[in-house]
Amino acid sequence: MPTAANTRLRQVAVLGAAGRVGRAVTAALLQQDIHVNAVLREPTRYDLPRNARLHVVQGDAQHLEALTDTLGTVDAIVLSVTPFTAPPSSFDGFDLDYYTNIIAGIDANWHSARRRLVAIGLTATLRLDSGGTFMEDPSLFPPELTPFAQAHARQLPALAGTTLDWAILAPPAGFGSPHEPAVGQGCRLVVEPLTRQQATAHLTYAQYAQAVATELLQPTIHNARVAVIPPA
């Protein structure tokens, strides 16, 4: 893993730092001596690890105009928010532009010389080598969750319309599986299309967080979406 000594990156804002992915990414960044601004809507509801380099900021990713000062201090942002803590019983009233609007807010309110964004992707949006996307195969993805996947899919064209230096990292379907060890054991980035085996592989949060931290510290993916899977 790279260290802060060999990169100019010093401060990162993690939007959605209290979620399972956000917490793992925050921990991985803190291990690299990076200062993390953890942006939470309700900070008092969450108990993040104490660290001198961790600064908890109250804010809403859907209203980033109120966080212009905070965003102006960071070199990179991790977009790890989700509209649901669990699959909803209904998607009635759900805004398919949920992520699109957040990306527009980031682009409009983040005034910094270096604007590196890593967005947490969704397996369902990935293209398979058998044709079509993961979400289009009902044997792989529950059709009732399609609106959530469609909202994620809209990140790609939304980001393409910005001047951000961005990357979408999508984990496989076996993400956060208890069958994998609790510590990261490496990972690799794969360009679409994926095989069914790759798309359904097991990957721990620690492995995924390692990939995100690396793409922030030493970027290799620019303006593209890739999958994060276990090492071969």
C-alpha atoms as a PDB file:
ATOM      1  CA  MET A   1       0.000   0.000   0.000  1.00  0.00           C
ATOM      2  CA  PRO A   2       1.190   3.548  -0.709  1.00  0.00           C
ATOM      3  CA  THR A   3       1.818   5.947   2.125  1.00  0.00           C
ATOM      4  CA  ALA A   4       1.072   9.615   2.629  1.00  0.00           C
ATOM      5  CA  ALA A   5       4.792  10.321   2.237  1.00  0.00           C
ATOM      6  CA  ASN A   6       4.741   9.557  -1.481  1.00  0.00           C
ATOM      7  CA  THR A   7       1.628  11.480  -2.447  1.00  0.00           C
ATOM      8  CA  ARG A   8       0.329  15.021  -2.199  1.00  0.00           C
ATOM      9  CA  LEU A   9      -3.000  13.804  -0.841  1.00  0.00           C
ATOM     10  CA  ARG A  10      -3.552  15.089   2.671  1.00  0.00           C
ATOM     11  CA  GLN A  11      -7.281  15.418   3.393  1.00  0.00           C
ATOM     12  CA  VAL A  12     -10.293  13.394   2.245  1.00  0.00           C
ATOM     13  CA  ALA A  13     -14.003  13.888   2.834  1.00  0.00           C
ATOM     14  CA  VAL A  14     -16.006  10.667   3.178  1.00  0.00           C
ATOM     15  CA  LEU A  15     -19.690  11.223   2.454  1.00  0.00           C
ATOM     16  CA  GLY A  16     -21.542   8.464   4.282  1.00  0.00           C
ATOM     17  CA  ALA A  17     -18.694   7.601   6.642  1.00  0.00           C
ATOM     18  CA  ALA A  18     -20.976   5.824   9.137  1.00  0.00           C
ATOM     19  CA  GLY A  19     -22.073   3.083   6.744  1.00  0.00           C
ATOM     20  CA  ARG A  20     -20.328  -0.277   6.574  1.00  0.00           C
ATOM     21  CA  VAL A  21     -18.354   0.684   3.485  1.00  0.00           C
ATOM     22  CA  GLY A  22     -17.759   4.235   4.663  1.00  0.00           C
ATOM     23  CA  ARG A  23     -16.379   3.054   8.005  1.00  0.00           C
ATOM     24  CA  ALA A  24     -14.029   0.591   6.295  1.00  0.00           C
ATOM     25  CA  VAL A  25     -12.764   3.258   3.891  1.00  0.00           C
ATOM     26  CA  THR A  26     -12.325   5.756   6.735  1.00  0.00           C
ATOM     27  CA  ALA A  27     -10.280   3.205   8.691  1.00  0.00           C
ATOM     28  CA  ALA A  28      -8.108   2.425   5.663  1.00  0.00           C
ATOM     29  CA  LEU A  29      -7.386   6.114   5.084  1.00  0.00           C
ATOM     30  CA  LEU A  30      -6.558   6.773   8.726  1.00  0.00           C
ATOM     31  CA  GLN A  31      -4.047   3.919   8.580  1.00  0.00           C
ATOM     32  CA  GLN A  32      -2.336   5.825   5.765  1.00  0.00           C
ATOM     33  CA  ASP A  33      -1.979   8.972   7.914  1.00  0.00           C
ATOM     34  CA  ILE A  34      -4.641  10.796   5.912  1.00  0.00           C
ATOM     35  CA  HIS A  35      -6.875  13.379   7.603  1.00  0.00           C
ATOM     36  CA  VAL A  36     -10.510  12.371   7.132  1.00  0.00           C
ATOM     37  CA  ASN A  37     -13.559  14.625   7.274  1.00  0.00           C
ATOM     38  CA  ALA A  38     -16.415  12.230   8.028  1.00  0.00           C
ATOM     39  CA  VAL A  39     -19.605  13.877   6.773  1.00  0.00           C
ATOM     40  CA  LEU A  40     -22.692  12.576   8.619  1.00  0.00           C
ATOM     41  CA  ARG A  41     -26.273  13.786   8.716  1.00  0.00           C
ATOM     42  CA  GLU A  42     -26.640  12.837  12.385  1.00  0.00           C
ATOM     43  CA  PRO A  43     -23.209  12.519  14.026  1.00  0.00           C
ATOM     44  CA  THR A  44     -24.645  11.783  17.484  1.00  0.00           C
ATOM     45  CA  ARG A  45     -26.174   8.537  16.189  1.00  0.00           C
ATOM     46  CA  TYR A  46     -22.830   7.024  15.313  1.00  0.00           C
ATOM     47  CA  ASP A  47     -19.730   6.157  17.282  1.00  0.00           C
ATOM     48  CA  LEU A  48     -16.747   6.433  14.963  1.00  0.00           C
ATOM     49  CA  PRO A  49     -13.299   5.393  16.212  1.00  0.00           C
ATOM     50  CA  ARG A  50     -11.385   8.124  18.013  1.00  0.00           C
ATOM     51  CA  ASN A  51      -8.459   9.394  16.003  1.00  0.00           C
ATOM     52  CA  ALA A  52      -6.594  12.694  15.976  1.00  0.00           C
ATOM     53  CA  ARG A  53      -6.860  12.797  12.171  1.00  0.00           C
ATOM     54  CA  LEU A  54     -10.622  12.153  12.110  1.00  0.00           C
ATOM     55  CA  HIS A  55     -12.937  15.170  12.030  1.00  0.00           C
ATOM     56  CA  VAL A  56     -16.679  14.536  12.139  1.00  0.00           C
ATOM     57  CA  VAL A  57     -18.728  17.082  10.196  1.00  0.00           C
ATOM     58  CA  GLN A  58     -22.503  17.394  10.313  1.00  0.00           C
ATOM     59  CA  GLY A  59     -23.867  17.680   6.807  1.00  0.00           C
ATOM     60  CA  ASP A  60     -26.092  16.196   4.145  1.00  0.00           C
ATOM     61  CA  ALA A  61     -24.713  14.978   0.820  1.00  0.00           C
ATOM     62  CA  GLN A  62     -27.930  16.207  -0.797  1.00  0.00           C
ATOM     63  CA  HIS A  63     -27.272  19.767   0.393  1.00  0.00           C
ATOM     64  CA  LEU A  64     -23.571  20.310  -0.154  1.00  0.00           C
ATOM     65  CA  GLU A  65     -23.970  24.055  -0.593  1.00  0.00           C
ATOM     66  CA  ALA A  66     -23.798  24.205   3.222  1.00  0.00           C
ATOM     67  CA  LEU A  67     -20.423  22.403   3.213  1.00  0.00           C
ATOM     68  CA  THR A  68     -18.484  24.567   0.772  1.00  0.00           C
ATOM     69  CA  ASP A  69     -15.897  25.548   3.387  1.00  0.00           C
ATOM     70  CA  THR A  70     -15.303  21.930   4.436  1.00  0.00           C
ATOM     71  CA  LEU A  71     -15.049  20.693   0.850  1.00  0.00           C
ATOM     72  CA  GLY A  72     -12.586  23.454   0.038  1.00  0.00           C
ATOM     73  CA  THR A  73     -10.070  21.935   2.453  1.00  0.00           C
ATOM     74  CA  VAL A  74     -10.005  18.438   0.959  1.00  0.00           C
ATOM     75  CA  ASP A  75      -8.079  16.977  -1.973  1.00  0.00           C
ATOM     76  CA  ALA A  76     -10.453  14.066  -2.555  1.00  0.00           C
ATOM     77  CA  ILE A  77     -13.967  12.846  -1.809  1.00  0.00           C
ATOM     78  CA  VAL A  78     -15.351   9.355  -1.316  1.00  0.00           C
ATOM     79  CA  LEU A  79     -19.036   9.098  -2.260  1.00  0.00           C
ATOM     80  CA  SER A  80     -20.372   6.339  -0.025  1.00  0.00           C
ATOM     81  CA  VAL A  81     -23.919   7.479   0.732  1.00  0.00           C
ATOM     82  CA  THR A  82     -27.032   5.370   0.297  1.00  0.00           C
ATOM     83  CA  PRO A  83     -30.706   6.377   0.416  1.00  0.00           C
ATOM     84  CA  PHE A  84     -31.601   3.215   2.362  1.00  0.00           C
ATOM     85  CA  THR A  85     -30.120   1.378   5.327  1.00  0.00           C
ATOM     86  CA  ALA A  86     -32.028  -1.728   4.154  1.00  0.00           C
ATOM     87  CA  PRO A  87     -34.055  -2.615   1.033  1.00  0.00           C
ATOM     88  CA  PRO A  88     -37.371  -0.691   1.255  1.00  0.00           C
ATOM     89  CA  SER A  89     -40.755  -2.368   0.998  1.00  0.00           C
ATOM     90  CA  SER A  90     -41.589  -0.046  -1.888  1.00  0.00           C
ATOM     91  CA  PHE A  91     -39.784   2.345  -4.211  1.00  0.00           C
ATOM     92  CA  ASP A  92     -42.826   4.593  -4.593  1.00  0.00           C
ATOM     93  CA  GLY A  93     -41.587   8.170  -4.652  1.00  0.00           C
ATOM     94  CA  PHE A  94     -37.930   7.188  -4.944  1.00  0.00           C
ATOM     95  CA  ASP A  95     -35.944   9.688  -7.002  1.00  0.00           C
ATOM     96  CA  LEU A  96     -33.902   7.896  -9.653  1.00  0.00           C
ATOM     97  CA  ASP A  97     -31.695  10.989  -9.774  1.00  0.00           C
ATOM     98  CA  TYR A  98     -30.665  10.576  -6.131  1.00  0.00           C
ATOM     99  CA  TYR A  99     -27.006  10.049  -7.021  1.00  0.00           C
ATOM    100  CA  THR A 100     -27.103  12.316 -10.062  1.00  0.00           C
ATOM    101  CA  ASN A 101     -28.162  15.241  -7.877  1.00  0.00           C
ATOM    102  CA  ILE A 102     -25.425  14.549  -5.316  1.00  0.00           C
ATOM    103  CA  ILE A 103     -22.786  14.472  -8.047  1.00  0.00           C
ATOM    104  CA  ALA A 104     -24.084  17.776  -9.411  1.00  0.00           C
ATOM    105  CA  GLY A 105     -23.833  19.216  -5.902  1.00  0.00           C
ATOM    106  CA  ILE A 106     -20.254  18.007  -5.522  1.00  0.00           C
ATOM    107  CA  ASP A 107     -19.240  19.491  -8.858  1.00  0.00           C
ATOM    108  CA  ALA A 108     -20.891  22.836  -8.088  1.00  0.00           C
ATOM    109  CA  ASN A 109     -19.762  23.251  -4.475  1.00  0.00           C
ATOM    110  CA  TRP A 110     -16.303  21.702  -4.374  1.00  0.00           C
ATOM    111  CA  HIS A 111     -13.762  24.405  -5.127  1.00  0.00           C
ATOM    112  CA  SER A 112     -10.312  22.858  -4.931  1.00  0.00           C
ATOM    113  CA  ALA A 113      -7.288  22.627  -7.193  1.00  0.00           C
ATOM    114  CA  ARG A 114      -7.337  18.847  -6.919  1.00  0.00           C
ATOM    115  CA  ARG A 115     -10.736  17.165  -7.233  1.00  0.00           C
ATOM    116  CA  ARG A 116     -10.336  13.395  -7.073  1.00  0.00           C
ATOM    117  CA  LEU A 117     -13.633  11.546  -6.503  1.00  0.00           C
ATOM    118  CA  VAL A 118     -14.055   7.835  -5.889  1.00  0.00           C
ATOM    119  CA  ALA A 119     -17.679   6.659  -5.901  1.00  0.00           C
ATOM    120  CA  ILE A 120     -18.840   3.373  -4.405  1.00  0.00           C
ATOM    121  CA  GLY A 121     -20.401   1.435  -7.251  1.00  0.00           C
ATOM    122  CA  LEU A 122     -23.007  -1.330  -7.353  1.00  0.00           C
ATOM    123  CA  THR A 123     -22.571  -4.824  -8.759  1.00  0.00           C
ATOM    124  CA  ALA A 124     -25.948  -4.639 -10.488  1.00  0.00           C
ATOM    125  CA  THR A 125     -24.757  -1.960 -12.903  1.00  0.00           C
ATOM    126  CA  LEU A 126     -21.848  -3.991 -14.275  1.00  0.00           C
ATOM    127  CA  ARG A 127     -21.863  -5.491 -17.762  1.00  0.00           C
ATOM    128  CA  LEU A 128     -21.388  -9.239 -18.099  1.00  0.00           C
ATOM    129  CA  ASP A 129     -19.576 -11.095 -20.860  1.00  0.00           C
ATOM    130  CA  SER A 130     -22.749 -13.082 -21.489  1.00  0.00           C
ATOM    131  CA  GLY A 131     -24.456  -9.894 -22.652  1.00  0.00           C
ATOM    132  CA  GLY A 132     -26.484  -7.307 -20.758  1.00  0.00           C
ATOM    133  CA  THR A 133     -25.960  -6.112 -17.201  1.00  0.00           C
ATOM    134  CA  PHE A 134     -26.016  -7.921 -13.874  1.00  0.00           C
ATOM    135  CA  MET A 135     -29.346  -6.304 -12.956  1.00  0.00           C
ATOM    136  CA  GLU A 136     -30.988  -7.665 -16.113  1.00  0.00           C
ATOM    137  CA  ASP A 137     -30.491 -11.275 -14.996  1.00  0.00           C
ATOM    138  CA  PRO A 138     -33.264 -12.183 -12.518  1.00  0.00           C
ATOM    139  CA  SER A 139     -31.262 -15.194 -11.366  1.00  0.00           C
ATOM    140  CA  LEU A 140     -28.580 -12.799 -10.123  1.00  0.00           C
ATOM    141  CA  PHE A 141     -30.463  -9.680  -9.075  1.00  0.00           C
ATOM    142  CA  PRO A 142     -33.954  -9.305  -7.543  1.00  0.00           C
ATOM    143  CA  PRO A 143     -36.074  -7.409 -10.115  1.00  0.00           C
ATOM    144  CA  GLU A 144     -37.879  -5.524  -7.349  1.00  0.00           C
ATOM    145  CA  LEU A 145     -34.613  -3.715  -6.522  1.00  0.00           C
ATOM    146  CA  THR A 146     -34.143  -2.459 -10.076  1.00  0.00           C
ATOM    147  CA  PRO A 147     -34.948   1.211  -9.271  1.00  0.00           C
ATOM    148  CA  PHE A 148     -32.038   1.335  -6.828  1.00  0.00           C
ATOM    149  CA  ALA A 149     -29.722  -0.154  -9.445  1.00  0.00           C
ATOM    150  CA  GLN A 150     -30.963   2.289 -12.056  1.00  0.00           C
ATOM    151  CA  ALA A 151     -30.183   5.194  -9.732  1.00  0.00           C
ATOM    152  CA  HIS A 152     -26.654   3.869  -9.320  1.00  0.00           C
ATOM    153  CA  ALA A 153     -26.302   3.398 -13.087  1.00  0.00           C
ATOM    154  CA  ARG A 154     -27.030   7.085 -13.614  1.00  0.00           C
ATOM    155  CA  GLN A 155     -23.795   7.942 -11.784  1.00  0.00           C
ATOM    156  CA  LEU A 156     -21.760   7.085 -14.877  1.00  0.00           C
ATOM    157  CA  PRO A 157     -23.244   9.664 -17.290  1.00  0.00           C
ATOM    158  CA  ALA A 158     -23.572  12.199 -14.468  1.00  0.00           C
ATOM    159  CA  LEU A 159     -19.873  11.998 -13.645  1.00  0.00           C
ATOM    160  CA  ALA A 160     -18.960  12.081 -17.329  1.00  0.00           C
ATOM    161  CA  GLY A 161     -20.567  15.524 -17.497  1.00  0.00           C
ATOM    162  CA  THR A 162     -18.341  16.990 -14.761  1.00  0.00           C
ATOM    163  CA  THR A 163     -14.758  18.228 -14.629  1.00  0.00           C
ATOM    164  CA  LEU A 164     -13.933  15.901 -11.721  1.00  0.00           C
ATOM    165  CA  ASP A 165     -11.159  13.327 -11.828  1.00  0.00           C
ATOM    166  CA  TRP A 166     -13.383  10.390 -10.948  1.00  0.00           C
ATOM    167  CA  ALA A 167     -13.529   6.632 -10.670  1.00  0.00           C
ATOM    168  CA  ILE A 168     -16.414   4.303  -9.841  1.00  0.00           C
ATOM    169  CA  LEU A 169     -15.307   1.157  -8.011  1.00  0.00           C
ATOM    170  CA  ALA A 170     -17.974  -1.537  -8.007  1.00  0.00           C
ATOM    171  CA  PRO A 171     -17.631  -4.524  -5.643  1.00  0.00           C
ATOM    172  CA  PRO A 172     -18.851  -8.035  -6.585  1.00  0.00           C
ATOM    173  CA  ALA A 173     -22.105  -9.550  -5.379  1.00  0.00           C
ATOM    174  CA  GLY A 174     -20.377 -11.460  -2.576  1.00  0.00           C
ATOM    175  CA  PHE A 175     -19.439  -8.193  -0.910  1.00  0.00           C
ATOM    176  CA  GLY A 176     -18.909  -8.277   2.837  1.00  0.00           C
ATOM    177  CA  SER A 177     -19.279 -12.034   2.946  1.00  0.00           C
ATOM    178  CA  PRO A 178     -18.580 -13.700   6.315  1.00  0.00           C
ATOM    179  CA  HIS A 179     -16.800 -16.486   4.419  1.00  0.00           C
ATOM    180  CA  GLU A 180     -13.778 -14.263   3.847  1.00  0.00           C
ATOM    181  CA  PRO A 181     -11.183 -13.293   6.488  1.00  0.00           C
ATOM    182  CA  ALA A 182     -11.727 -10.028   8.343  1.00  0.00           C
ATOM    183  CA  VAL A 183      -8.502  -8.465   7.072  1.00  0.00           C
ATOM    184  CA  GLY A 184      -7.680  -7.329   3.575  1.00  0.00           C
ATOM    185  CA  GLN A 185      -5.696  -9.771   1.443  1.00  0.00           C
ATOM    186  CA  GLY A 186      -5.362  -7.729  -1.686  1.00  0.00           C
ATOM    187  CA  CYS A 187      -7.664  -7.199  -4.639  1.00  0.00           C
ATOM    188  CA  ARG A 188      -7.539  -6.314  -8.307  1.00  0.00           C
ATOM    189  CA  LEU A 189      -9.416  -3.984 -10.632  1.00  0.00           C
ATOM    190  CA  VAL A 190     -11.153  -5.458 -13.661  1.00  0.00           C
ATOM    191  CA  VAL A 191     -12.584  -3.624 -16.647  1.00  0.00           C
ATOM    192  CA  GLU A 192     -16.051  -4.656 -17.848  1.00  0.00           C
ATOM    193  CA  PRO A 193     -17.433  -6.971 -19.073  1.00  0.00           C
ATOM    194  CA  LEU A 194     -17.097  -9.446 -16.208  1.00  0.00           C
ATOM    195  CA  THR A 195     -17.581 -13.170 -16.089  1.00  0.00           C
ATOM    196  CA  ARG A 196     -20.333 -14.495 -13.859  1.00  0.00           C
ATOM    197  CA  GLN A 197     -17.684 -15.885 -11.515  1.00  0.00           C
ATOM    198  CA  GLN A 198     -15.988 -12.508 -11.193  1.00  0.00           C
ATOM    199  CA  ALA A 199     -19.280 -10.667 -10.646  1.00  0.00           C
ATOM    200  CA  THR A 200     -20.369 -13.024  -7.861  1.00  0.00           C
ATOM    201  CA  ALA A 201     -17.002 -13.356  -6.097  1.00  0.00           C
ATOM    202  CA  HIS A 202     -16.524 -12.817  -2.351  1.00  0.00           C
ATOM    203  CA  LEU A 203     -14.792  -9.651  -1.187  1.00  0.00           C
ATOM    204  CA  THR A 204     -14.394  -8.243   2.311  1.00  0.00           C
ATOM    205  CA  TYR A 205     -14.998  -4.627   3.243  1.00  0.00           C
ATOM    206  CA  ALA A 206     -11.317  -4.386   4.186  1.00  0.00           C
ATOM    207  CA  GLN A 207     -10.214  -5.559   0.736  1.00  0.00           C
ATOM    208  CA  TYR A 208     -12.541  -3.109  -0.966  1.00  0.00           C
ATOM    209  CA  ALA A 209     -11.491  -0.235   1.303  1.00  0.00           C
ATOM    210  CA  GLN A 210      -7.882  -0.975   0.399  1.00  0.00           C
ATOM    211  CA  ALA A 211      -8.742  -0.504  -3.290  1.00  0.00           C
ATOM    212  CA  VAL A 212     -10.473   2.811  -2.602  1.00  0.00           C
ATOM    213  CA  ALA A 213      -7.555   4.100  -0.516  1.00  0.00           C
ATOM    214  CA  THR A 214      -5.086   3.119  -3.239  1.00  0.00           C
ATOM    215  CA  GLU A 215      -7.117   4.869  -5.949  1.00  0.00           C
ATOM    216  CA  LEU A 216      -7.089   8.022  -3.838  1.00  0.00           C
ATOM    217  CA  LEU A 217      -3.388   7.911  -3.019  1.00  0.00           C
ATOM    218  CA  GLN A 218      -2.060   6.644  -6.339  1.00  0.00           C
ATOM    219  CA  PRO A 219      -4.826   6.938  -8.963  1.00  0.00           C
ATOM    220  CA  THR A 220      -4.796   4.559 -11.907  1.00  0.00           C
ATOM    221  CA  ILE A 221      -8.450   4.734 -12.974  1.00  0.00           C
ATOM    222  CA  HIS A 222      -9.550   8.034 -14.483  1.00  0.00           C
ATOM    223  CA  ASN A 223     -13.100   8.815 -15.605  1.00  0.00           C
ATOM    224  CA  ALA A 224     -14.138   5.172 -15.766  1.00  0.00           C
ATOM    225  CA  ARG A 225     -15.971   2.431 -13.858  1.00  0.00           C
ATOM    226  CA  VAL A 226     -14.236  -0.787 -12.891  1.00  0.00           C
ATOM    227  CA  ALA A 227     -14.993  -3.786 -10.700  1.00  0.00           C
ATOM    228  CA  VAL A 228     -13.018  -4.658  -7.579  1.00  0.00           C
ATOM    229  CA  ILE A 229     -12.556  -8.416  -7.164  1.00  0.00           C
ATOM    230  CA  PRO A 230     -10.292 -10.710  -5.128  1.00  0.00           C
ATOM    231  CA  PRO A 231      -6.795 -11.465  -6.422  1.00  0.00           C
ATOM    232  CA  ALA A 232      -6.564 -14.258  -8.965  1.00  0.00           C
END
